[in-house]
Amino acid sequence: MTEQKPKKQRLCIVCGTQAGKHELLRVVRMSDGSVRFDATGRAAGRGAYLCSAECLSKALKAKKLERALRTKLDQTTADKIEADVTSALRESQGIVEE
């Protein structure tokens, strides 16, 4: 019988909720300096994990996301990340926009 490795837990940068990698939302700073939502959780770059859209809003407001990714975010990028996260959450919950 093969022994499975324990799954690594990640922490939400806002509230500290601990969960598996695929249960959290990941925002990544790419090698070219751009920042985007990582729906797959596999993009190369510095990542920050969030547990919900509410925590994303708090992270943007308190600049915790900027600190975690070690970069500055402009409003356009922040809005795009919020829209992508909201869309991904709706899709995962089966909500279709009309």
PDB file of N, CA and C in Angstrom:
ATOM      1  N   MET A   1       0.841  -1.188   0.000  1.00  0.00           N
ATOM      2  CA  MET A   1       0.000   0.000   0.000  1.00  0.00           C
ATOM      3  C   MET A   1       0.886   1.252   0.000  1.00  0.00           C
ATOM      4  N   THR A   2       0.589   2.200  -0.887  1.00  0.00           N
ATOM      5  CA  THR A   2       1.382   3.422  -0.962  1.00  0.00           C
ATOM      6  C   THR A   2       0.868   4.445   0.033  1.00  0.00           C
ATOM      7  N   GLU A   3       1.800   5.160   0.586  1.00  0.00           N
ATOM      8  CA  GLU A   3       1.444   6.177   1.573  1.00  0.00           C
ATOM      9  C   GLU A   3       1.306   7.521   0.864  1.00  0.00           C
ATOM     10  N   GLN A   4       0.205   8.219   1.099  1.00  0.00           N
ATOM     11  CA  GLN A   4      -0.014   9.523   0.483  1.00  0.00           C
ATOM     12  C   GLN A   4       0.615  10.608   1.334  1.00  0.00           C
ATOM     13  N   LYS A   5       1.202  11.582   0.659  1.00  0.00           N
ATOM     14  CA  LYS A   5       1.760  12.729   1.364  1.00  0.00           C
ATOM     15  C   LYS A   5       0.608  13.579   1.890  1.00  0.00           C
ATOM     16  N   PRO A   6       0.795  14.202   3.048  1.00  0.00           N
ATOM     17  CA  PRO A   6      -0.255  15.119   3.511  1.00  0.00           C
ATOM     18  C   PRO A   6      -0.321  16.335   2.586  1.00  0.00           C
ATOM     19  N   LYS A   7      -1.536  16.814   2.331  1.00  0.00           N
ATOM     20  CA  LYS A   7      -1.730  17.977   1.464  1.00  0.00           C
ATOM     21  C   LYS A   7      -1.282  19.232   2.203  1.00  0.00           C
ATOM     22  N   LYS A   8      -0.554  20.105   1.468  1.00  0.00           N
ATOM     23  CA  LYS A   8      -0.126  21.361   2.065  1.00  0.00           C
ATOM     24  C   LYS A   8      -1.326  22.274   2.245  1.00  0.00           C
ATOM     25  N   GLN A   9      -1.371  22.946   3.357  1.00  0.00           N
ATOM     26  CA  GLN A   9      -2.431  23.896   3.629  1.00  0.00           C
ATOM     27  C   GLN A   9      -1.935  25.298   3.300  1.00  0.00           C
ATOM     28  N   ARG A  10      -2.832  26.136   2.821  1.00  0.00           N
ATOM     29  CA  ARG A  10      -2.521  27.537   2.514  1.00  0.00           C
ATOM     30  C   ARG A  10      -3.355  28.417   3.442  1.00  0.00           C
ATOM     31  N   LEU A  11      -2.899  29.658   3.629  1.00  0.00           N
ATOM     32  CA  LEU A  11      -3.604  30.606   4.497  1.00  0.00           C
ATOM     33  C   LEU A  11      -4.141  31.777   3.690  1.00  0.00           C
ATOM     34  N   CYS A  12      -5.350  32.193   4.004  1.00  0.00           N
ATOM     35  CA  CYS A  12      -5.905  33.420   3.432  1.00  0.00           C
ATOM     36  C   CYS A  12      -5.101  34.586   3.998  1.00  0.00           C
ATOM     37  N   ILE A  13      -4.664  35.514   3.147  1.00  0.00           N
ATOM     38  CA  ILE A  13      -3.834  36.627   3.606  1.00  0.00           C
ATOM     39  C   ILE A  13      -4.604  37.646   4.439  1.00  0.00           C
ATOM     40  N   VAL A  14      -5.931  37.567   4.437  1.00  0.00           N
ATOM     41  CA  VAL A  14      -6.733  38.526   5.195  1.00  0.00           C
ATOM     42  C   VAL A  14      -7.162  37.959   6.543  1.00  0.00           C
ATOM     43  N   CYS A  15      -7.894  36.854   6.515  1.00  0.00           N
ATOM     44  CA  CYS A  15      -8.488  36.335   7.752  1.00  0.00           C
ATOM     45  C   CYS A  15      -7.737  35.148   8.344  1.00  0.00           C
ATOM     46  N   GLY A  16      -6.789  34.590   7.588  1.00  0.00           N
ATOM     47  CA  GLY A  16      -6.007  33.479   8.102  1.00  0.00           C
ATOM     48  C   GLY A  16      -6.675  32.122   8.021  1.00  0.00           C
ATOM     49  N   THR A  17      -7.789  32.018   7.302  1.00  0.00           N
ATOM     50  CA  THR A  17      -8.456  30.740   7.121  1.00  0.00           C
ATOM     51  C   THR A  17      -7.492  29.767   6.456  1.00  0.00           C
ATOM     52  N   GLN A  18      -7.377  28.584   7.017  1.00  0.00           N
ATOM     53  CA  GLN A  18      -6.470  27.579   6.488  1.00  0.00           C
ATOM     54  C   GLN A  18      -7.264  26.555   5.676  1.00  0.00           C
ATOM     55  N   ALA A  19      -6.798  26.283   4.450  1.00  0.00           N
ATOM     56  CA  ALA A  19      -7.497  25.339   3.580  1.00  0.00           C
ATOM     57  C   ALA A  19      -6.526  24.803   2.536  1.00  0.00           C
ATOM     58  N   GLY A  20      -6.972  23.800   1.808  1.00  0.00           N
ATOM     59  CA  GLY A  20      -6.174  23.243   0.728  1.00  0.00           C
ATOM     60  C   GLY A  20      -6.059  24.219  -0.424  1.00  0.00           C
ATOM     61  N   LYS A  21      -5.055  24.005  -1.251  1.00  0.00           N
ATOM     62  CA  LYS A  21      -4.761  24.891  -2.371  1.00  0.00           C
ATOM     63  C   LYS A  21      -5.960  25.118  -3.293  1.00  0.00           C
ATOM     64  N   HIS A  22      -6.714  24.070  -3.570  1.00  0.00           N
ATOM     65  CA  HIS A  22      -7.816  24.192  -4.529  1.00  0.00           C
ATOM     66  C   HIS A  22      -9.096  24.731  -3.905  1.00  0.00           C
ATOM     67  N   GLU A  23      -9.099  24.956  -2.611  1.00  0.00           N
ATOM     68  CA  GLU A  23     -10.267  25.517  -1.944  1.00  0.00           C
ATOM     69  C   GLU A  23     -10.175  27.033  -1.810  1.00  0.00           C
ATOM     70  N   LEU A  24      -9.013  27.581  -2.100  1.00  0.00           N
ATOM     71  CA  LEU A  24      -8.798  29.020  -1.982  1.00  0.00           C
ATOM     72  C   LEU A  24      -8.633  29.649  -3.358  1.00  0.00           C
ATOM     73  N   LEU A  25      -8.779  30.957  -3.415  1.00  0.00           N
ATOM     74  CA  LEU A  25      -8.595  31.734  -4.641  1.00  0.00           C
ATOM     75  C   LEU A  25      -7.153  32.226  -4.666  1.00  0.00           C
ATOM     76  N   ARG A  26      -6.504  32.182  -5.837  1.00  0.00           N
ATOM     77  CA  ARG A  26      -5.105  32.597  -5.930  1.00  0.00           C
ATOM     78  C   ARG A  26      -4.975  33.769  -6.887  1.00  0.00           C
ATOM     79  N   VAL A  27      -4.250  34.773  -6.430  1.00  0.00           N
ATOM     80  CA  VAL A  27      -3.890  35.912  -7.263  1.00  0.00           C
ATOM     81  C   VAL A  27      -2.376  35.831  -7.408  1.00  0.00           C
ATOM     82  N   VAL A  28      -1.871  36.020  -8.615  1.00  0.00           N
ATOM     83  CA  VAL A  28      -0.446  35.809  -8.872  1.00  0.00           C
ATOM     84  C   VAL A  28       0.181  37.017  -9.554  1.00  0.00           C
ATOM     85  N   ARG A  29       1.423  37.313  -9.145  1.00  0.00           N
ATOM     86  CA  ARG A  29       2.233  38.312  -9.848  1.00  0.00           C
ATOM     87  C   ARG A  29       3.151  37.540 -10.777  1.00  0.00           C
ATOM     88  N   MET A  30       3.001  37.752 -12.052  1.00  0.00           N
ATOM     89  CA  MET A  30       3.768  37.035 -13.062  1.00  0.00           C
ATOM     90  C   MET A  30       5.196  37.586 -13.128  1.00  0.00           C
ATOM     91  N   SER A  31       6.071  36.879 -13.819  1.00  0.00           N
ATOM     92  CA  SER A  31       7.473  37.293 -13.928  1.00  0.00           C
ATOM     93  C   SER A  31       7.633  38.632 -14.658  1.00  0.00           C
ATOM     94  N   ASP A  32       6.647  38.978 -15.508  1.00  0.00           N
ATOM     95  CA  ASP A  32       6.706  40.262 -16.216  1.00  0.00           C
ATOM     96  C   ASP A  32       6.151  41.419 -15.379  1.00  0.00           C
ATOM     97  N   GLY A  33       5.706  41.119 -14.147  1.00  0.00           N
ATOM     98  CA  GLY A  33       5.207  42.154 -13.246  1.00  0.00           C
ATOM     99  C   GLY A  33       3.704  42.331 -13.261  1.00  0.00           C
ATOM    100  N   SER A  34       3.021  41.705 -14.207  1.00  0.00           N
ATOM    101  CA  SER A  34       1.565  41.830 -14.258  1.00  0.00           C
ATOM    102  C   SER A  34       0.932  40.985 -13.146  1.00  0.00           C
ATOM    103  N   VAL A  35      -0.234  41.416 -12.703  1.00  0.00           N
ATOM    104  CA  VAL A  35      -0.954  40.713 -11.639  1.00  0.00           C
ATOM    105  C   VAL A  35      -2.298  40.280 -12.180  1.00  0.00           C
ATOM    106  N   ARG A  36      -2.674  39.014 -11.908  1.00  0.00           N
ATOM    107  CA  ARG A  36      -3.958  38.522 -12.392  1.00  0.00           C
ATOM    108  C   ARG A  36      -4.477  37.421 -11.480  1.00  0.00           C
ATOM    109  N   PHE A  37      -5.765  37.118 -11.631  1.00  0.00           N
ATOM    110  CA  PHE A  37      -6.383  36.012 -10.917  1.00  0.00           C
ATOM    111  C   PHE A  37      -5.935  34.720 -11.584  1.00  0.00           C
ATOM    112  N   ASP A  38      -5.541  33.735 -10.786  1.00  0.00           N
ATOM    113  CA  ASP A  38      -5.080  32.452 -11.303  1.00  0.00           C
ATOM    114  C   ASP A  38      -6.139  31.393 -11.032  1.00  0.00           C
ATOM    115  N   ALA A  39      -7.000  31.159 -11.996  1.00  0.00           N
ATOM    116  CA  ALA A  39      -8.097  30.206 -11.820  1.00  0.00           C
ATOM    117  C   ALA A  39      -7.606  28.775 -11.690  1.00  0.00           C
ATOM    118  N   THR A  40      -6.471  28.454 -12.315  1.00  0.00           N
ATOM    119  CA  THR A  40      -5.963  27.085 -12.277  1.00  0.00           C
ATOM    120  C   THR A  40      -5.146  26.801 -11.027  1.00  0.00           C
ATOM    121  N   GLY A  41      -4.583  27.837 -10.419  1.00  0.00           N
ATOM    122  CA  GLY A  41      -3.725  27.651  -9.260  1.00  0.00           C
ATOM    123  C   GLY A  41      -2.346  27.142  -9.629  1.00  0.00           C
ATOM    124  N   ARG A  42      -1.995  27.195 -10.903  1.00  0.00           N
ATOM    125  CA  ARG A  42      -0.727  26.638 -11.364  1.00  0.00           C
ATOM    126  C   ARG A  42       0.175  27.645 -12.071  1.00  0.00           C
ATOM    127  N   ALA A  43      -0.249  28.869 -12.210  1.00  0.00           N
ATOM    128  CA  ALA A  43       0.555  29.851 -12.925  1.00  0.00           C
ATOM    129  C   ALA A  43       1.859  30.114 -12.176  1.00  0.00           C
ATOM    130  N   ALA A  44       2.930  30.295 -12.936  1.00  0.00           N
ATOM    131  CA  ALA A  44       4.227  30.577 -12.338  1.00  0.00           C
ATOM    132  C   ALA A  44       4.253  32.013 -11.836  1.00  0.00           C
ATOM    133  N   GLY A  45       4.780  32.215 -10.674  1.00  0.00           N
ATOM    134  CA  GLY A  45       4.894  33.557 -10.119  1.00  0.00           C
ATOM    135  C   GLY A  45       4.592  33.556  -8.643  1.00  0.00           C
ATOM    136  N   ARG A  46       4.685  34.721  -8.042  1.00  0.00           N
ATOM    137  CA  ARG A  46       4.430  34.871  -6.614  1.00  0.00           C
ATOM    138  C   ARG A  46       2.926  34.923  -6.386  1.00  0.00           C
ATOM    139  N   GLY A  47       2.408  34.042  -5.561  1.00  0.00           N
ATOM    140  CA  GLY A  47       0.976  33.955  -5.353  1.00  0.00           C
ATOM    141  C   GLY A  47       0.530  34.389  -3.979  1.00  0.00           C
ATOM    142  N   ALA A  48      -0.722  34.788  -3.886  1.00  0.00           N
ATOM    143  CA  ALA A  48      -1.371  35.126  -2.620  1.00  0.00           C
ATOM    144  C   ALA A  48      -2.738  34.458  -2.630  1.00  0.00           C
ATOM    145  N   TYR A  49      -3.114  33.876  -1.503  1.00  0.00           N
ATOM    146  CA  TYR A  49      -4.363  33.124  -1.410  1.00  0.00           C
ATOM    147  C   TYR A  49      -5.415  33.894  -0.626  1.00  0.00           C
ATOM    148  N   LEU A  50      -6.661  33.775  -1.083  1.00  0.00           N
ATOM    149  CA  LEU A  50      -7.807  34.424  -0.450  1.00  0.00           C
ATOM    150  C   LEU A  50      -8.936  33.409  -0.358  1.00  0.00           C
ATOM    151  N   CYS A  51      -9.747  33.518   0.700  1.00  0.00           N
ATOM    152  CA  CYS A  51     -10.803  32.520   0.885  1.00  0.00           C
ATOM    153  C   CYS A  51     -12.131  32.927   0.264  1.00  0.00           C
ATOM    154  N   SER A  52     -12.325  34.228  -0.014  1.00  0.00           N
ATOM    155  CA  SER A  52     -13.624  34.668  -0.527  1.00  0.00           C
ATOM    156  C   SER A  52     -13.487  36.010  -1.239  1.00  0.00           C
ATOM    157  N   ALA A  53     -14.566  36.395  -1.906  1.00  0.00           N
ATOM    158  CA  ALA A  53     -14.592  37.703  -2.562  1.00  0.00           C
ATOM    159  C   ALA A  53     -14.550  38.829  -1.526  1.00  0.00           C
ATOM    160  N   GLU A  54     -15.141  38.586  -0.360  1.00  0.00           N
ATOM    161  CA  GLU A  54     -15.118  39.593   0.712  1.00  0.00           C
ATOM    162  C   GLU A  54     -13.679  39.836   1.178  1.00  0.00           C
ATOM    163  N   CYS A  55     -12.915  38.746   1.319  1.00  0.00           N
ATOM    164  CA  CYS A  55     -11.519  38.901   1.734  1.00  0.00           C
ATOM    165  C   CYS A  55     -10.701  39.589   0.645  1.00  0.00           C
ATOM    166  N   LEU A  56     -11.033  39.349  -0.616  1.00  0.00           N
ATOM    167  CA  LEU A  56     -10.350  40.048  -1.708  1.00  0.00           C
ATOM    168  C   LEU A  56     -10.599  41.548  -1.602  1.00  0.00           C
ATOM    169  N   SER A  57     -11.836  41.940  -1.365  1.00  0.00           N
ATOM    170  CA  SER A  57     -12.158  43.367  -1.225  1.00  0.00           C
ATOM    171  C   SER A  57     -11.393  43.988  -0.067  1.00  0.00           C
ATOM    172  N   LYS A  58     -11.350  43.280   1.056  1.00  0.00           N
ATOM    173  CA  LYS A  58     -10.607  43.773   2.221  1.00  0.00           C
ATOM    174  C   LYS A  58      -9.112  43.864   1.928  1.00  0.00           C
ATOM    175  N   ALA A  59      -8.584  42.871   1.210  1.00  0.00           N
ATOM    176  CA  ALA A  59      -7.158  42.858   0.870  1.00  0.00           C
ATOM    177  C   ALA A  59      -6.792  44.026  -0.036  1.00  0.00           C
ATOM    178  N   LEU A  60      -7.667  44.342  -0.979  1.00  0.00           N
ATOM    179  CA  LEU A  60      -7.406  45.471  -1.875  1.00  0.00           C
ATOM    180  C   LEU A  60      -7.498  46.791  -1.116  1.00  0.00           C
ATOM    181  N   LYS A  61      -8.486  46.905  -0.247  1.00  0.00           N
ATOM    182  CA  LYS A  61      -8.700  48.139   0.496  1.00  0.00           C
ATOM    183  C   LYS A  61      -7.549  48.424   1.468  1.00  0.00           C
ATOM    184  N   ALA A  62      -7.085  47.379   2.159  1.00  0.00           N
ATOM    185  CA  ALA A  62      -6.024  47.543   3.158  1.00  0.00           C
ATOM    186  C   ALA A  62      -4.625  47.359   2.561  1.00  0.00           C
ATOM    187  N   LYS A  63      -4.541  47.190   1.242  1.00  0.00           N
ATOM    188  CA  LYS A  63      -3.280  46.996   0.522  1.00  0.00           C
ATOM    189  C   LYS A  63      -2.526  45.742   0.966  1.00  0.00           C
ATOM    190  N   LYS A  64      -3.246  44.762   1.517  1.00  0.00           N
ATOM    191  CA  LYS A  64      -2.619  43.498   1.910  1.00  0.00           C
ATOM    192  C   LYS A  64      -2.200  42.687   0.692  1.00  0.00           C
ATOM    193  N   LEU A  65      -2.949  42.797  -0.387  1.00  0.00           N
ATOM    194  CA  LEU A  65      -2.598  42.076  -1.608  1.00  0.00           C
ATOM    195  C   LEU A  65      -1.300  42.637  -2.197  1.00  0.00           C
ATOM    196  N   GLU A  66      -1.163  43.942  -2.175  1.00  0.00           N
ATOM    197  CA  GLU A  66       0.072  44.573  -2.661  1.00  0.00           C
ATOM    198  C   GLU A  66       1.271  44.101  -1.847  1.00  0.00           C
ATOM    199  N   ARG A  67       1.099  44.044  -0.526  1.00  0.00           N
ATOM    200  CA  ARG A  67       2.181  43.597   0.353  1.00  0.00           C
ATOM    201  C   ARG A  67       2.556  42.140   0.082  1.00  0.00           C
ATOM    202  N   ALA A  68       1.535  41.292  -0.049  1.00  0.00           N
ATOM    203  CA  ALA A  68       1.782  39.866  -0.259  1.00  0.00           C
ATOM    204  C   ALA A  68       2.462  39.598  -1.602  1.00  0.00           C
ATOM    205  N   LEU A  69       2.085  40.371  -2.619  1.00  0.00           N
ATOM    206  CA  LEU A  69       2.661  40.171  -3.950  1.00  0.00           C
ATOM    207  C   LEU A  69       3.902  41.019  -4.192  1.00  0.00           C
ATOM    208  N   ARG A  70       4.201  41.898  -3.257  1.00  0.00           N
ATOM    209  CA  ARG A  70       5.369  42.785  -3.332  1.00  0.00           C
ATOM    210  C   ARG A  70       5.365  43.632  -4.603  1.00  0.00           C
ATOM    211  N   THR A  71       4.214  44.263  -4.854  1.00  0.00           N
ATOM    212  CA  THR A  71       4.074  45.124  -6.031  1.00  0.00           C
ATOM    213  C   THR A  71       2.949  46.127  -5.782  1.00  0.00           C
ATOM    214  N   LYS A  72       2.892  47.147  -6.604  1.00  0.00           N
ATOM    215  CA  LYS A  72       1.794  48.122  -6.548  1.00  0.00           C
ATOM    216  C   LYS A  72       0.725  47.736  -7.559  1.00  0.00           C
ATOM    217  N   LEU A  73      -0.531  47.936  -7.178  1.00  0.00           N
ATOM    218  CA  LEU A  73      -1.650  47.649  -8.073  1.00  0.00           C
ATOM    219  C   LEU A  73      -2.352  48.940  -8.450  1.00  0.00           C
ATOM    220  N   ASP A  74      -2.619  49.120  -9.741  1.00  0.00           N
ATOM    221  CA  ASP A  74      -3.424  50.263 -10.141  1.00  0.00           C
ATOM    222  C   ASP A  74      -4.898  49.862 -10.071  1.00  0.00           C
ATOM    223  N   GLN A  75      -5.773  50.830 -10.154  1.00  0.00           N
ATOM    224  CA  GLN A  75      -7.209  50.583  -9.996  1.00  0.00           C
ATOM    225  C   GLN A  75      -7.755  49.676 -11.094  1.00  0.00           C
ATOM    226  N   THR A  76      -7.254  49.828 -12.305  1.00  0.00           N
ATOM    227  CA  THR A  76      -7.716  48.996 -13.415  1.00  0.00           C
ATOM    228  C   THR A  76      -7.420  47.524 -13.147  1.00  0.00           C
ATOM    229  N   THR A  77      -6.219  47.225 -12.688  1.00  0.00           N
ATOM    230  CA  THR A  77      -5.831  45.851 -12.387  1.00  0.00           C
ATOM    231  C   THR A  77      -6.670  45.301 -11.241  1.00  0.00           C
ATOM    232  N   ALA A  78      -6.868  46.102 -10.202  1.00  0.00           N
ATOM    233  CA  ALA A  78      -7.667  45.678  -9.053  1.00  0.00           C
ATOM    234  C   ALA A  78      -9.107  45.362  -9.486  1.00  0.00           C
ATOM    235  N   ASP A  79      -9.674  46.209 -10.321  1.00  0.00           N
ATOM    236  CA  ASP A  79     -11.038  45.980 -10.818  1.00  0.00           C
ATOM    237  C   ASP A  79     -11.116  44.703 -11.654  1.00  0.00           C
ATOM    238  N   LYS A  80     -10.114  44.472 -12.494  1.00  0.00           N
ATOM    239  CA  LYS A  80     -10.082  43.266 -13.337  1.00  0.00           C
ATOM    240  C   LYS A  80      -9.992  42.005 -12.467  1.00  0.00           C
ATOM    241  N   ILE A  81      -9.168  42.024 -11.441  1.00  0.00           N
ATOM    242  CA  ILE A  81      -9.027  40.876 -10.538  1.00  0.00           C
ATOM    243  C   ILE A  81     -10.343  40.612  -9.827  1.00  0.00           C
ATOM    244  N   GLU A  82     -10.983  41.671  -9.323  1.00  0.00           N
ATOM    245  CA  GLU A  82     -12.280  41.509  -8.647  1.00  0.00           C
ATOM    246  C   GLU A  82     -13.332  40.921  -9.583  1.00  0.00           C
ATOM    247  N   ALA A  83     -13.368  41.393 -10.816  1.00  0.00           N
ATOM    248  CA  ALA A  83     -14.342  40.885 -11.788  1.00  0.00           C
ATOM    249  C   ALA A  83     -14.070  39.416 -12.102  1.00  0.00           C
ATOM    250  N   ASP A  84     -12.804  39.058 -12.272  1.00  0.00           N
ATOM    251  CA  ASP A  84     -12.445  37.671 -12.579  1.00  0.00           C
ATOM    252  C   ASP A  84     -12.789  36.739 -11.418  1.00  0.00           C
ATOM    253  N   VAL A  85     -12.533  37.174 -10.194  1.00  0.00           N
ATOM    254  CA  VAL A  85     -12.844  36.358  -9.013  1.00  0.00           C
ATOM    255  C   VAL A  85     -14.350  36.181  -8.883  1.00  0.00           C
ATOM    256  N   THR A  86     -15.102  37.245  -9.049  1.00  0.00           N
ATOM    257  CA  THR A  86     -16.560  37.176  -8.962  1.00  0.00           C
ATOM    258  C   THR A  86     -17.119  36.233 -10.013  1.00  0.00           C
ATOM    259  N   SER A  87     -16.600  36.339 -11.225  1.00  0.00           N
ATOM    260  CA  SER A  87     -17.033  35.469 -12.309  1.00  0.00           C
ATOM    261  C   SER A  87     -16.707  34.000 -12.004  1.00  0.00           C
ATOM    262  N   ALA A  88     -15.529  33.729 -11.505  1.00  0.00           N
ATOM    263  CA  ALA A  88     -15.120  32.356 -11.178  1.00  0.00           C
ATOM    264  C   ALA A  88     -15.973  31.787 -10.050  1.00  0.00           C
ATOM    265  N   LEU A  89     -16.295  32.614  -9.061  1.00  0.00           N
ATOM    266  CA  LEU A  89     -17.132  32.145  -7.955  1.00  0.00           C
ATOM    267  C   LEU A  89     -18.548  31.835  -8.437  1.00  0.00           C
ATOM    268  N   ARG A  90     -19.095  32.672  -9.286  1.00  0.00           N
ATOM    269  CA  ARG A  90     -20.430  32.430  -9.834  1.00  0.00           C
ATOM    270  C   ARG A  90     -20.442  31.161 -10.674  1.00  0.00           C
ATOM    271  N   GLU A  91     -19.407  30.975 -11.459  1.00  0.00           N
ATOM    272  CA  GLU A  91     -19.305  29.786 -12.305  1.00  0.00           C
ATOM    273  C   GLU A  91     -19.207  28.510 -11.449  1.00  0.00           C
ATOM    274  N   SER A  92     -18.445  28.568 -10.382  1.00  0.00           N
ATOM    275  CA  SER A  92     -18.282  27.383  -9.527  1.00  0.00           C
ATOM    276  C   SER A  92     -19.571  27.060  -8.763  1.00  0.00           C
ATOM    277  N   GLN A  93     -20.399  28.069  -8.548  1.00  0.00           N
ATOM    278  CA  GLN A  93     -21.657  27.860  -7.849  1.00  0.00           C
ATOM    279  C   GLN A  93     -22.808  27.572  -8.817  1.00  0.00           C
ATOM    280  N   GLY A  94     -22.504  27.599 -10.111  1.00  0.00           N
ATOM    281  CA  GLY A  94     -23.524  27.296 -11.109  1.00  0.00           C
ATOM    282  C   GLY A  94     -24.476  28.432 -11.394  1.00  0.00           C
ATOM    283  N   ILE A  95     -24.097  29.656 -11.045  1.00  0.00           N
ATOM    284  CA  ILE A  95     -24.948  30.814 -11.295  1.00  0.00           C
ATOM    285  C   ILE A  95     -24.629  31.355 -12.690  1.00  0.00           C
ATOM    286  N   VAL A  96     -25.648  31.502 -13.505  1.00  0.00           N
ATOM    287  CA  VAL A  96     -25.461  31.999 -14.877  1.00  0.00           C
ATOM    288  C   VAL A  96     -26.089  33.389 -14.959  1.00  0.00           C
ATOM    289  N   GLU A  97     -25.298  34.330 -15.492  1.00  0.00           N
ATOM    290  CA  GLU A  97     -25.813  35.692 -15.649  1.00  0.00           C
ATOM    291  C   GLU A  97     -26.680  35.769 -16.900  1.00  0.00           C
ATOM    292  N   GLU A  98     -27.736  36.562 -16.830  1.00  0.00           N
ATOM    293  CA  GLU A  98     -28.637  36.733 -17.968  1.00  0.00           C
ATOM    294  C   GLU A  98     -28.375  38.024 -18.681  1.00  0.00           C
TER     295      GLU A  98
END
